[in-house]
Amino acid sequence: MNDTPAHRYPKVAMALHWLLAIGVIAQWRLAVAGENAASEAAGREIMGNHFSLGVVVLLLALARLAWRLVQPNPPLASHLAGWERWLARATHTLFYVLLIAMPLAGWYAMSKYGNGVDVFGVVSLPALPVASDPEGAGRIFELHAAAGVALLVVTAIHVLGTLKHTLVDRDGNLFRMLPFGRPKA
């Protein structure tokens, strides 16, 4: 068993990981609630929170990526099969791509409607300097929604991998991303 710092993620990476996880779940639930709101006004209010939280998720994802560039992740466990290593790298790469591209696409689509993004009434991102194109904005939001489904699939793969390592392999891999427990490899 190895509980050295080289096998555990740094606390900053852990905090950003769990904040992003909470943000993704909240974004998913807000999007569903906004689509199913009882009235158009209620839907707009819910989606306003979705847009605001999207900016926060973008900032957290950029912070996590910057942290990863400055403080590389601990190496993958040596006992992982080649396919597991590939899948771990692919899912992490897809997380970064989706967590950065989705909020930017949302901002871009809002800009095509001529709107900026209000962030919880604290700051407002102005509309990007793009031509008005409501039809194009709608298509971008369709891609944004498809990317949201892809993000949920990648999240499910990530969680299933964690469950496999925790319940089947019993290798302590989960504890690399928690400040307690004992990572074994």
Protein backbone atom coordinates (compact mmCIF):
# COMPACT_ATOMS: atom_id res chain seq x y z
CA MET A 1 0.00 0.00 0.00
CA ASN A 2 1.25 3.42 -0.87
CA ASP A 3 -0.17 6.59 0.67
CA THR A 4 2.59 8.90 -0.51
CA PRO A 5 1.76 12.31 -1.97
CA ALA A 6 3.02 11.02 -5.33
CA HIS A 7 -0.02 8.71 -5.51
CA ARG A 8 -2.66 11.13 -4.24
CA TYR A 9 -3.95 14.19 -6.10
CA PRO A 10 -3.04 17.53 -4.50
CA LYS A 11 -5.77 19.09 -2.37
CA VAL A 12 -6.32 21.91 -4.89
CA ALA A 13 -6.96 19.34 -7.65
CA MET A 14 -9.32 17.46 -5.33
CA ALA A 15 -11.28 20.61 -4.51
CA LEU A 16 -11.57 21.63 -8.17
CA HIS A 17 -12.60 18.08 -9.16
CA TRP A 18 -15.43 17.92 -6.62
CA LEU A 19 -16.59 21.50 -7.32
CA LEU A 20 -16.74 20.66 -11.03
CA ALA A 21 -18.65 17.45 -10.27
CA ILE A 22 -21.22 19.42 -8.25
CA GLY A 23 -21.38 22.06 -10.99
CA VAL A 24 -21.99 19.49 -13.74
CA ILE A 25 -24.78 17.82 -11.78
CA ALA A 26 -26.36 21.19 -10.97
CA GLN A 27 -26.10 22.29 -14.62
CA TRP A 28 -27.79 19.11 -15.79
CA ARG A 29 -30.65 19.53 -13.31
CA LEU A 30 -31.05 23.24 -14.15
CA ALA A 31 -31.20 22.50 -17.88
CA VAL A 32 -33.88 19.85 -17.35
CA ALA A 33 -35.83 22.13 -14.99
CA GLY A 34 -35.61 25.03 -17.45
CA GLU A 35 -36.90 22.90 -20.32
CA ASN A 36 -39.79 21.63 -18.19
CA ALA A 37 -40.68 24.87 -16.40
CA ALA A 38 -44.34 25.62 -15.82
CA SER A 39 -44.10 28.97 -17.60
CA GLU A 40 -41.85 30.76 -20.04
CA ALA A 41 -40.88 33.29 -17.35
CA ALA A 42 -39.93 30.53 -14.91
CA GLY A 43 -37.93 28.80 -17.63
CA ARG A 44 -36.03 32.03 -18.40
CA GLU A 45 -35.21 32.50 -14.71
CA ILE A 46 -33.97 28.92 -14.35
CA MET A 47 -31.94 29.17 -17.56
CA GLY A 48 -30.47 32.46 -16.30
CA ASN A 49 -29.08 30.47 -13.37
CA HIS A 50 -27.89 27.81 -15.81
CA PHE A 51 -26.02 30.46 -17.83
CA SER A 52 -24.52 31.96 -14.66
CA LEU A 53 -23.37 28.61 -13.35
CA GLY A 54 -21.97 27.80 -16.79
CA VAL A 55 -19.56 30.72 -16.42
CA VAL A 56 -18.54 29.43 -12.99
CA VAL A 57 -17.99 25.93 -14.43
CA LEU A 58 -15.89 27.42 -17.23
CA LEU A 59 -13.71 29.27 -14.72
CA LEU A 60 -13.34 26.15 -12.56
CA ALA A 61 -12.42 24.04 -15.61
CA LEU A 62 -9.83 26.59 -16.72
CA ALA A 63 -8.45 26.71 -13.16
CA ARG A 64 -8.28 22.90 -13.06
CA LEU A 65 -6.52 22.79 -16.43
CA ALA A 66 -4.05 25.51 -15.36
CA TRP A 67 -3.41 23.66 -12.10
CA ARG A 68 -2.81 20.44 -14.02
CA LEU A 69 -0.27 22.17 -16.25
CA VAL A 70 1.58 23.56 -13.21
CA GLN A 71 1.12 20.51 -10.97
CA PRO A 72 0.86 17.33 -13.08
CA ASN A 73 -1.45 14.57 -11.94
CA PRO A 74 0.08 11.63 -10.10
CA PRO A 75 0.91 8.75 -12.42
CA LEU A 76 -1.77 6.21 -13.19
CA ALA A 77 -1.59 3.04 -11.11
CA SER A 78 0.97 0.62 -12.50
CA HIS A 79 -1.45 -2.34 -12.48
CA LEU A 80 -3.91 -0.78 -14.94
CA ALA A 81 -4.45 -2.58 -18.23
CA GLY A 82 -3.63 -0.71 -21.42
CA TRP A 83 -7.30 -0.17 -22.24
CA GLU A 84 -7.89 1.28 -18.78
CA ARG A 85 -5.02 3.74 -19.22
CA TRP A 86 -6.36 4.76 -22.63
CA LEU A 87 -9.91 5.15 -21.31
CA ALA A 88 -8.74 7.20 -18.31
CA ARG A 89 -6.81 9.59 -20.56
CA ALA A 90 -9.64 9.81 -23.10
CA THR A 91 -12.31 10.58 -20.50
CA HIS A 92 -10.17 13.23 -18.81
CA THR A 93 -9.43 14.87 -22.15
CA LEU A 94 -13.11 14.82 -23.08
CA PHE A 95 -14.00 16.36 -19.71
CA TYR A 96 -11.70 19.32 -20.37
CA VAL A 97 -12.90 19.78 -23.94
CA LEU A 98 -16.59 19.64 -23.00
CA LEU A 99 -16.30 21.69 -19.79
CA ILE A 100 -14.59 24.49 -21.70
CA ALA A 101 -16.40 24.27 -25.05
CA MET A 102 -19.95 24.05 -23.69
CA PRO A 103 -19.98 27.35 -21.75
CA LEU A 104 -18.21 29.12 -24.61
CA ALA A 105 -20.79 27.75 -27.05
CA GLY A 106 -23.59 28.94 -24.76
CA TRP A 107 -22.08 32.44 -24.61
CA TYR A 108 -21.61 32.44 -28.39
CA ALA A 109 -25.23 31.35 -28.95
CA MET A 110 -26.55 34.00 -26.56
CA SER A 111 -24.45 36.56 -28.43
CA LYS A 112 -26.11 35.51 -31.70
CA TYR A 113 -29.39 36.49 -30.03
CA GLY A 114 -27.76 39.84 -29.17
CA ASN A 115 -27.56 39.04 -25.45
CA GLY A 116 -24.70 38.88 -23.02
CA VAL A 117 -24.58 36.60 -20.00
CA ASP A 118 -25.45 37.93 -16.57
CA VAL A 119 -23.53 36.05 -13.87
CA PHE A 120 -25.74 35.97 -10.78
CA GLY A 121 -26.19 39.76 -10.96
CA VAL A 122 -22.54 40.25 -10.00
CA VAL A 123 -20.95 40.72 -13.42
CA SER A 124 -22.24 40.64 -16.96
CA LEU A 125 -20.36 39.20 -19.90
CA PRO A 126 -21.16 41.34 -22.93
CA ALA A 127 -22.44 39.80 -26.12
CA LEU A 128 -19.60 38.72 -28.36
CA PRO A 129 -19.19 40.82 -31.51
CA VAL A 130 -21.01 38.41 -33.84
CA ALA A 131 -23.79 38.88 -36.34
CA SER A 132 -27.33 38.44 -35.11
CA ASP A 133 -28.56 35.02 -36.17
CA PRO A 134 -31.36 33.52 -34.06
CA GLU A 135 -31.55 30.41 -36.27
CA GLY A 136 -27.80 29.89 -35.92
CA ALA A 137 -28.11 30.41 -32.16
CA GLY A 138 -30.75 27.70 -32.05
CA ARG A 139 -28.47 25.28 -33.91
CA ILE A 140 -25.61 26.09 -31.53
CA PHE A 141 -27.87 25.41 -28.56
CA GLU A 142 -28.81 22.07 -30.14
CA LEU A 143 -25.09 21.22 -30.34
CA HIS A 144 -24.68 22.48 -26.78
CA ALA A 145 -27.44 20.09 -25.64
CA ALA A 146 -25.84 17.19 -27.53
CA ALA A 147 -22.53 18.02 -25.85
CA GLY A 148 -24.40 17.95 -22.53
CA VAL A 149 -25.54 14.40 -23.26
CA ALA A 150 -21.96 13.50 -24.20
CA LEU A 151 -20.77 15.01 -20.90
CA LEU A 152 -23.28 12.85 -19.00
CA VAL A 153 -22.04 9.74 -20.87
CA VAL A 154 -18.40 10.58 -20.07
CA THR A 155 -19.39 11.20 -16.45
CA ALA A 156 -21.14 7.82 -16.31
CA ILE A 157 -18.03 6.10 -17.72
CA HIS A 158 -15.90 7.91 -15.12
CA VAL A 159 -18.22 6.89 -12.26
CA LEU A 160 -18.44 3.28 -13.51
CA GLY A 161 -14.64 3.12 -13.65
CA THR A 162 -14.46 4.43 -10.10
CA LEU A 163 -17.00 1.83 -8.95
CA LYS A 164 -15.04 -0.94 -10.72
CA HIS A 165 -11.83 0.08 -8.99
CA THR A 166 -13.56 0.47 -5.63
CA LEU A 167 -15.85 -2.58 -5.55
CA VAL A 168 -14.24 -5.10 -7.93
CA ASP A 169 -10.50 -4.36 -8.00
CA ARG A 170 -10.46 -2.93 -4.46
CA ASP A 171 -7.33 -1.00 -5.41
CA GLY A 172 -8.05 2.18 -3.45
CA ASN A 173 -7.98 4.25 -6.63
CA LEU A 174 -10.90 6.38 -5.41
CA PHE A 175 -8.81 7.56 -2.46
CA ARG A 176 -6.36 9.25 -4.82
CA MET A 177 -9.06 11.95 -5.24
CA LEU A 178 -10.14 12.10 -1.59
CA PRO A 179 -8.25 13.58 1.37
CA PHE A 180 -8.88 10.40 3.39
CA GLY A 181 -8.52 6.67 2.81
CA ARG A 182 -5.53 4.86 1.45
CA PRO A 183 -4.63 4.67 -2.24
CA LYS A 184 -2.82 1.38 -2.84
CA ALA A 185 -1.10 2.20 -6.10
